[in-house]
């Protein structure tokens, strides 16, 4: 149960801060409107840091990401018996975090049309150039780099290591995330995408579910490849 609670609240914090940053950039009449990609990457990095701290203090390993949980479990870095509670906590936390962002920014959603920034990109990822196969490869490569480095950090919930994980997220975003918006996390994408789809978001655009297989499958494959490589070379 501790694992579920930690993953739920850690992922909630991750999403409410990260998606909140995206809302502030894309919606009209916020103080952050029009901020750049560096701002987005740093915001997501710090959001992950805070999420990992919360998750670790509440008894989980601070995965916050099905690609981490499944990749670790497949190669013996994490017990299979905890996989389902972790995954449920991650997806539910992501959904609730996105719901809080909808409440926080409701007046700004009302002032922003779908043409002018009120898009699924606030909640989930979309490619800079739509090319599904290469978008899939982008997510796979970015997630592989993230999780391979993560595996070499040891217990990343302790001391200053959550901050190191945050800087890792930021540099992955700046280095590899500009092609797809770097989901590198199926829960981070699907939980908010679902919230955008079914909750009352004023003036929302399409949730673009036809693309959603990319931020689900690419990160899962990247996590598996990273954990497999770590096992092979250790």
Protein backbone atom coordinates (compact mmCIF):
# COMPACT_ATOMS: atom_id res chain seq x y z
CA UNK A 1 0.00 0.00 0.00
CA UNK A 2 2.89 2.37 0.74
CA UNK A 3 4.07 1.94 -2.84
CA UNK A 4 0.69 2.93 -4.22
CA UNK A 5 0.39 5.97 -1.95
CA UNK A 6 3.91 7.17 -2.69
CA UNK A 7 3.52 6.73 -6.45
CA UNK A 8 0.08 8.38 -6.42
CA UNK A 9 1.14 11.51 -4.57
CA UNK A 10 4.57 11.70 -6.18
CA UNK A 11 3.09 11.49 -9.68
CA UNK A 12 0.34 13.94 -8.73
CA UNK A 13 3.00 16.49 -7.71
CA UNK A 14 4.99 15.79 -10.88
CA UNK A 15 1.97 16.43 -13.09
CA UNK A 16 0.45 19.38 -11.25
CA UNK A 17 3.77 21.25 -11.48
CA UNK A 18 4.87 20.10 -14.95
CA UNK A 19 1.49 20.40 -16.63
CA UNK A 20 0.94 23.64 -14.75
CA UNK A 21 4.08 25.02 -16.38
CA UNK A 22 2.76 23.99 -19.81
CA UNK A 23 -0.57 25.66 -19.08
CA UNK A 24 1.20 28.84 -18.03
CA UNK A 25 3.19 28.91 -21.26
CA UNK A 26 0.37 28.08 -23.68
CA UNK A 27 -2.66 29.84 -22.21
CA UNK A 28 -3.33 33.55 -22.64
CA UNK A 29 -2.98 36.20 -19.94
CA UNK A 30 -0.69 34.30 -17.57
CA UNK A 31 2.66 35.74 -16.50
CA UNK A 32 4.37 32.81 -18.20
CA UNK A 33 2.70 33.08 -21.61
CA UNK A 34 5.19 32.48 -24.42
CA UNK A 35 8.09 31.23 -22.27
CA UNK A 36 10.63 29.11 -24.12
CA UNK A 37 11.64 25.45 -24.29
CA UNK A 38 14.37 25.88 -21.69
CA UNK A 39 11.71 27.03 -19.24
CA UNK A 40 9.61 23.96 -20.02
CA UNK A 41 12.53 21.54 -19.66
CA UNK A 42 13.66 23.03 -16.36
CA UNK A 43 10.11 23.10 -15.02
CA UNK A 44 9.60 19.41 -15.78
CA UNK A 45 12.99 18.59 -14.26
CA UNK A 46 12.12 20.37 -11.01
CA UNK A 47 8.65 18.81 -11.05
CA UNK A 48 10.23 15.35 -11.16
CA UNK A 49 12.59 16.29 -8.34
CA UNK A 50 9.72 17.30 -6.08
CA UNK A 51 7.67 14.26 -7.06
CA UNK A 52 10.54 11.90 -6.24
CA UNK A 53 11.04 13.54 -2.84
CA UNK A 54 7.35 13.15 -2.02
CA UNK A 55 7.16 9.56 -3.27
CA UNK A 56 10.30 8.53 -1.40
CA UNK A 57 9.09 10.05 1.87
CA UNK A 58 5.80 8.15 1.51
CA UNK A 59 7.42 4.76 1.10
CA UNK A 60 7.80 4.15 -2.64
CA UNK A 61 10.92 3.91 -4.78
CA UNK A 62 10.00 7.11 -6.61
CA UNK A 63 9.50 5.62 -10.07
CA UNK A 64 6.56 7.88 -11.09
CA UNK A 65 6.77 6.23 -14.49
CA UNK A 66 5.56 2.87 -15.87
CA UNK A 67 8.60 2.69 -18.16
CA UNK A 68 10.81 2.64 -15.06
CA UNK A 69 8.62 0.19 -13.13
CA UNK A 70 8.17 -2.32 -15.97
CA UNK A 71 11.74 -2.09 -17.25
CA UNK A 72 13.13 -2.57 -13.74
CA UNK A 73 10.79 -5.50 -13.00
CA UNK A 74 11.59 -7.35 -16.23
CA UNK A 75 15.28 -7.51 -15.35
CA UNK A 76 15.04 -8.09 -11.62
CA UNK A 77 15.62 -4.56 -10.32
CA UNK A 78 12.11 -4.38 -8.85
CA UNK A 79 9.70 -7.04 -7.49
CA UNK A 80 6.81 -8.04 -9.75
CA UNK A 81 4.43 -8.14 -6.81
CA UNK A 82 4.56 -4.35 -6.55
CA UNK A 83 4.16 -3.55 -10.24
CA UNK A 84 0.36 -3.25 -10.32
CA UNK A 85 0.08 -0.94 -7.25
CA UNK A 86 2.83 1.25 -8.69
CA UNK A 87 1.19 1.48 -12.12
CA UNK A 88 -2.25 2.24 -10.69
CA UNK A 89 -0.79 4.93 -8.44
CA UNK A 90 1.09 6.50 -11.34
CA UNK A 91 -1.87 6.72 -13.73
CA UNK A 92 -4.33 7.86 -11.06
CA UNK A 93 -1.89 10.44 -9.73
CA UNK A 94 -1.31 11.80 -13.22
CA UNK A 95 -5.06 12.09 -13.84
CA UNK A 96 -5.74 13.90 -10.56
CA UNK A 97 -2.75 16.21 -11.06
CA UNK A 98 -4.12 17.24 -14.45
CA UNK A 99 -7.57 17.78 -12.93
CA UNK A 100 -6.07 20.23 -10.43
CA UNK A 101 -4.41 22.13 -13.28
CA UNK A 102 -7.80 22.43 -15.01
CA UNK A 103 -9.18 24.06 -11.86
CA UNK A 104 -6.14 26.29 -11.34
CA UNK A 105 -6.18 27.70 -14.88
CA UNK A 106 -9.92 27.67 -15.62
CA UNK A 107 -10.21 31.44 -16.31
CA UNK A 108 -7.25 31.18 -18.69
CA UNK A 109 -8.74 28.20 -20.52
CA UNK A 110 -11.83 30.36 -21.01
CA UNK A 111 -9.78 33.15 -22.61
CA UNK A 112 -7.76 30.89 -24.94
CA UNK A 113 -9.17 29.23 -28.04
CA UNK A 114 -7.99 25.93 -29.49
CA UNK A 115 -6.34 27.88 -32.32
CA UNK A 116 -4.38 30.09 -29.94
CA UNK A 117 -2.76 27.59 -27.59
CA UNK A 118 -5.56 25.71 -25.81
CA UNK A 119 -4.37 22.37 -27.16
CA UNK A 120 -3.56 18.88 -25.96
CA UNK A 121 0.07 20.02 -25.68
CA UNK A 122 -0.82 21.56 -22.31
CA UNK A 123 -1.64 18.11 -20.97
CA UNK A 124 0.18 15.57 -23.13
CA UNK A 125 2.76 15.38 -25.89
CA UNK A 126 2.53 15.98 -29.61
CA UNK A 127 5.31 15.84 -32.22
CA UNK A 128 6.98 18.89 -33.72
CA UNK A 129 6.85 17.06 -37.07
CA UNK A 130 4.30 14.25 -37.28
CA UNK A 131 6.16 11.17 -38.44
CA UNK A 132 4.89 8.27 -36.30
CA UNK A 133 7.78 5.87 -36.83
CA UNK A 134 10.44 8.49 -36.10
CA UNK A 135 8.35 9.94 -33.27
CA UNK A 136 8.30 6.43 -31.79
CA UNK A 137 12.07 6.17 -32.18
CA UNK A 138 12.52 9.58 -30.57
CA UNK A 139 10.56 8.53 -27.50
CA UNK A 140 12.41 5.21 -27.36
CA UNK A 141 15.85 6.82 -27.54
CA UNK A 142 15.06 9.60 -25.05
CA UNK A 143 13.61 7.14 -22.55
CA UNK A 144 16.48 4.71 -23.04
CA UNK A 145 18.99 7.49 -22.22
CA UNK A 146 16.97 8.62 -19.19
CA UNK A 147 16.50 5.18 -17.65
CA UNK A 148 20.01 3.92 -18.44
CA UNK A 149 21.45 6.89 -16.52
CA UNK A 150 18.85 6.42 -13.78
CA UNK A 151 19.95 2.82 -13.29
CA UNK A 152 23.46 4.05 -12.58
CA UNK A 153 22.40 6.52 -9.88
CA UNK A 154 21.61 3.90 -7.24
CA UNK A 155 18.83 4.80 -4.77
CA UNK A 156 17.63 8.02 -6.34
CA UNK A 157 15.14 8.97 -3.60
CA UNK A 158 17.84 9.78 -1.04
CA UNK A 159 19.83 12.93 -0.26
CA UNK A 160 20.37 15.22 -3.23
CA UNK A 161 19.76 12.46 -5.77
CA UNK A 162 16.17 13.56 -6.57
CA UNK A 163 17.69 16.86 -7.65
CA UNK A 164 20.15 14.96 -9.86
CA UNK A 165 17.20 13.10 -11.40
CA UNK A 166 15.58 16.47 -12.08
CA UNK A 167 18.67 17.76 -13.87
CA UNK A 168 18.70 14.52 -15.86
CA UNK A 169 15.09 15.16 -16.96
CA UNK A 170 15.95 18.74 -17.90
CA UNK A 171 18.95 17.77 -20.03
CA UNK A 172 17.01 14.95 -21.72
CA UNK A 173 14.33 17.52 -22.52
CA UNK A 174 16.79 20.01 -23.95
CA UNK A 175 18.88 17.41 -25.75
CA UNK A 176 16.33 14.91 -27.02
CA UNK A 177 12.88 16.24 -26.19
CA UNK A 178 12.45 18.88 -28.87
CA UNK A 179 11.14 16.41 -31.46
CA UNK A 180 8.15 15.02 -29.54
CA UNK A 181 7.87 17.01 -26.31
CA UNK A 182 9.55 14.11 -24.44
CA UNK A 183 6.84 12.12 -22.73
CA UNK A 184 9.39 9.46 -21.65
CA UNK A 185 6.59 8.35 -19.32
CA UNK A 186 3.28 6.75 -20.36
CA UNK A 187 1.47 7.87 -17.19
CA UNK A 188 2.64 11.46 -17.65
CA UNK A 189 1.04 11.44 -21.11
CA UNK A 190 -2.04 9.22 -20.82
CA UNK A 191 -3.31 10.38 -17.41
CA UNK A 192 -3.47 14.07 -18.38
CA UNK A 193 -4.63 13.23 -21.93
CA UNK A 194 -7.58 11.35 -20.45
CA UNK A 195 -8.33 14.22 -18.05
CA UNK A 196 -8.30 16.62 -21.00
CA UNK A 197 -10.69 14.30 -22.86
CA UNK A 198 -13.36 13.73 -20.22
CA UNK A 199 -13.23 16.68 -17.81
CA UNK A 200 -14.86 20.05 -18.59
CA UNK A 201 -11.98 22.03 -20.10
CA UNK A 202 -13.26 25.26 -21.71
CA UNK A 203 -12.38 25.72 -25.40
CA UNK A 204 -10.26 22.58 -25.52
CA UNK A 205 -8.93 21.19 -28.76
CA UNK A 206 -8.67 17.55 -29.78
CA UNK A 207 -6.99 15.12 -27.37
CA UNK A 208 -5.30 13.50 -30.43
CA UNK A 209 -5.65 9.91 -29.25
CA UNK A 210 -4.48 8.64 -32.63
CA UNK A 211 -0.96 9.71 -31.60
CA UNK A 212 -1.16 8.38 -28.04
CA UNK A 213 0.35 4.98 -28.87
CA UNK A 214 3.73 6.71 -29.41
CA UNK A 215 4.17 8.07 -25.84
CA UNK A 216 2.93 4.73 -24.51
CA UNK A 217 4.97 2.27 -26.57
CA UNK A 218 8.15 4.28 -27.16
CA UNK A 219 8.92 4.85 -23.46
CA UNK A 220 8.06 1.27 -22.52
CA UNK A 221 10.48 -0.06 -25.14
CA UNK A 222 13.14 2.47 -24.12
CA UNK A 223 12.87 1.40 -20.49
CA UNK A 224 13.15 -2.27 -21.38
CA UNK A 225 16.19 -1.66 -23.59
CA UNK A 226 17.90 0.40 -20.88
CA UNK A 227 17.36 -2.20 -18.17
CA UNK A 228 18.41 -4.98 -20.53
CA UNK A 229 21.63 -3.19 -21.46
CA UNK A 230 22.41 -2.50 -17.80
CA UNK A 231 21.99 -6.21 -17.04
CA UNK A 232 24.18 -7.18 -19.98
CA UNK A 233 27.12 -4.94 -19.13
CA UNK A 234 27.10 -5.22 -15.34
